C-alpha atoms as a PDB file:
ATOM      1  CA  MET A   1      -0.823 -28.534  -1.237  1.00  0.00           C
ATOM      2  CA  SER A   2      -1.243 -26.958  -4.653  1.00  0.00           C
ATOM      3  CA  PHE A   3       1.071 -24.599  -6.482  1.00  0.00           C
ATOM      4  CA  LEU A   4      -1.391 -21.738  -5.950  1.00  0.00           C
ATOM      5  CA  ASP A   5      -1.364 -22.265  -2.177  1.00  0.00           C
ATOM      6  CA  VAL A   6       2.426 -22.169  -2.062  1.00  0.00           C
ATOM      7  CA  THR A   7       2.560 -19.079  -4.264  1.00  0.00           C
ATOM      8  CA  VAL A   8      -0.042 -17.262  -2.166  1.00  0.00           C
ATOM      9  CA  SER A   9       1.846 -18.115   1.029  1.00  0.00           C
ATOM     10  CA  ILE A  10       5.096 -16.785  -0.421  1.00  0.00           C
ATOM     11  CA  GLY A  11       3.268 -13.677  -1.624  1.00  0.00           C
ATOM     12  CA  PHE A  12       1.829 -13.002   1.827  1.00  0.00           C
ATOM     13  CA  ALA A  13       5.285 -13.420   3.391  1.00  0.00           C
ATOM     14  CA  MET A  14       6.886 -11.015   0.920  1.00  0.00           C
ATOM     15  CA  LEU A  15       4.108  -8.451   1.354  1.00  0.00           C
ATOM     16  CA  SER A  16       4.443  -8.715   5.132  1.00  0.00           C
ATOM     17  CA  LEU A  17       8.165  -8.069   4.952  1.00  0.00           C
ATOM     18  CA  SER A  18       7.547  -5.099   2.654  1.00  0.00           C
ATOM     19  CA  LEU A  19       4.972  -3.742   5.100  1.00  0.00           C
ATOM     20  CA  VAL A  20       7.444  -3.925   7.983  1.00  0.00           C
ATOM     21  CA  LEU A  21      10.140  -2.143   5.963  1.00  0.00           C
ATOM     22  CA  ALA A  22       7.697   0.541   4.785  1.00  0.00           C
ATOM     23  CA  PHE A  23       6.566   1.108   8.360  1.00  0.00           C
ATOM     24  CA  ILE A  24      10.176   1.547   9.453  1.00  0.00           C
ATOM     25  CA  ARG A  25      10.625   4.163   6.707  1.00  0.00           C
ATOM     26  CA  LEU A  26       7.402   5.830   7.834  1.00  0.00           C
ATOM     27  CA  VAL A  27       8.673   6.138  11.400  1.00  0.00           C
ATOM     28  CA  ARG A  28      12.329   6.967  10.678  1.00  0.00           C
ATOM     29  CA  GLY A  29      11.938   8.940   7.454  1.00  0.00           C
ATOM     30  CA  PRO A  30      14.227  11.945   7.570  1.00  0.00           C
ATOM     31  CA  SER A  31      11.835  14.186   5.657  1.00  0.00           C
ATOM     32  CA  LEU A  32       8.123  14.622   5.262  1.00  0.00           C
ATOM     33  CA  SER A  33       8.337  13.504   1.644  1.00  0.00           C
ATOM     34  CA  ASP A  34       9.877  10.175   2.700  1.00  0.00           C
ATOM     35  CA  ARG A  35       7.056   9.629   5.147  1.00  0.00           C
ATOM     36  CA  VAL A  36       4.381  10.414   2.581  1.00  0.00           C
ATOM     37  CA  VAL A  37       5.929   8.063   0.021  1.00  0.00           C
ATOM     38  CA  ALA A  38       6.084   5.341   2.687  1.00  0.00           C
ATOM     39  CA  LEU A  39       2.437   5.937   3.560  1.00  0.00           C
ATOM     40  CA  ASP A  40       1.465   5.769  -0.106  1.00  0.00           C
ATOM     41  CA  PHE A  41       3.407   2.525  -0.428  1.00  0.00           C
ATOM     42  CA  ILE A  42       1.604   1.108   2.608  1.00  0.00           C
ATOM     43  CA  GLY A  43      -1.673   1.900   0.842  1.00  0.00           C
ATOM     44  CA  ALA A  44      -0.444   0.050  -2.239  1.00  0.00           C
ATOM     45  CA  LEU A  45       0.547  -2.878  -0.043  1.00  0.00           C
ATOM     46  CA  ALA A  46      -2.929  -2.919   1.513  1.00  0.00           C
ATOM     47  CA  VAL A  47      -4.429  -3.140  -1.974  1.00  0.00           C
ATOM     48  CA  SER A  48      -1.987  -5.956  -2.762  1.00  0.00           C
ATOM     49  CA  PHE A  49      -2.940  -7.833   0.410  1.00  0.00           C
ATOM     50  CA  ILE A  50      -6.615  -7.591  -0.485  1.00  0.00           C
ATOM     51  CA  ALA A  51      -5.975  -8.681  -4.072  1.00  0.00           C
ATOM     52  CA  LEU A  52      -3.912 -11.658  -2.932  1.00  0.00           C
ATOM     53  CA  TYR A  53      -6.557 -12.639  -0.396  1.00  0.00           C
ATOM     54  CA  THR A  54      -9.155 -12.395  -3.159  1.00  0.00           C
ATOM     55  CA  VAL A  55      -7.129 -14.839  -5.241  1.00  0.00           C
ATOM     56  CA  SER A  56      -6.641 -17.221  -2.344  1.00  0.00           C
ATOM     57  CA  SER A  57     -10.298 -17.193  -1.270  1.00  0.00           C
ATOM     58  CA  ARG A  58     -11.621 -17.228  -4.853  1.00  0.00           C
ATOM     59  CA  ASN A  59     -14.176 -14.582  -3.884  1.00  0.00           C
ATOM     60  CA  ALA A  60     -14.237 -11.261  -5.754  1.00  0.00           C
ATOM     61  CA  VAL A  61     -16.242  -9.414  -3.097  1.00  0.00           C
ATOM     62  CA  TYR A  62     -13.119  -7.908  -1.535  1.00  0.00           C
ATOM     63  CA  LEU A  63     -12.007  -6.102  -4.684  1.00  0.00           C
ATOM     64  CA  ASP A  64     -14.388  -3.221  -3.922  1.00  0.00           C
ATOM     65  CA  ALA A  65     -12.454  -2.489  -0.744  1.00  0.00           C
ATOM     66  CA  ALA A  66      -9.188  -2.589  -2.697  1.00  0.00           C
ATOM     67  CA  VAL A  67     -10.499  -0.023  -5.175  1.00  0.00           C
ATOM     68  CA  VAL A  68     -11.630   2.283  -2.360  1.00  0.00           C
ATOM     69  CA  ILE A  69      -8.253   2.074  -0.612  1.00  0.00           C
ATOM     70  CA  ALA A  70      -6.435   2.756  -3.892  1.00  0.00           C
ATOM     71  CA  LEU A  71      -8.571   5.832  -4.573  1.00  0.00           C
ATOM     72  CA  ILE A  72      -8.071   7.211  -1.071  1.00  0.00           C
ATOM     73  CA  ALA A  73      -4.302   6.671  -1.285  1.00  0.00           C
ATOM     74  CA  PHE A  74      -4.199   8.403  -4.673  1.00  0.00           C
ATOM     75  CA  LEU A  75      -6.159  11.395  -3.389  1.00  0.00           C
ATOM     76  CA  GLY A  76      -3.873  11.667  -0.371  1.00  0.00           C
ATOM     77  CA  THR A  77      -0.796  11.704  -2.577  1.00  0.00           C
ATOM     78  CA  VAL A  78      -2.307  14.364  -4.848  1.00  0.00           C
ATOM     79  CA  ALA A  79      -3.239  16.471  -1.815  1.00  0.00           C
ATOM     80  CA  PHE A  80       0.309  16.243  -0.479  1.00  0.00           C
ATOM     81  CA  ALA A  81       1.764  17.210  -3.867  1.00  0.00           C
ATOM     82  CA  ARG A  82      -0.489  20.268  -3.970  1.00  0.00           C
ATOM     83  CA  TYR A  83       0.569  21.160  -0.409  1.00  0.00           C
ATOM     84  CA  VAL A  84       4.259  20.944  -1.319  1.00  0.00           C
ATOM     85  CA  GLU A  85       3.650  23.063  -4.422  1.00  0.00           C
ATOM     86  CA  TRP A  86       1.794  25.640  -2.309  1.00  0.00           C
ATOM     87  CA  GLN A  87       4.645  25.722   0.222  1.00  0.00           C
ATOM     88  CA  LYS A  88       7.147  26.529  -2.531  1.00  0.00           C
ATOM     89  CA  GLU A  89       5.075  29.514  -3.647  1.00  0.00           C
ATOM     90  CA  VAL A  90       4.792  30.995  -0.150  1.00  0.00           C
END
């Protein structure tokens, strides 16, 4: 077992734990802002999972999916920020 295999396994375990904790925050979040931040973090974790899988499989094909997920998560966060700003004006 190489050092890269061990590191990738530890990375997957840490990302999995982070995903569980972010999902708990998404469900229990006391405010809408907490839930949106948790959802944005879950998107970042999805990109991290794909990037780590790309490293472990040594195949760069999956990076396109990571870029698409990152762009969608960014647009969702911007849309929510505009919604909150609009709510303050009304």
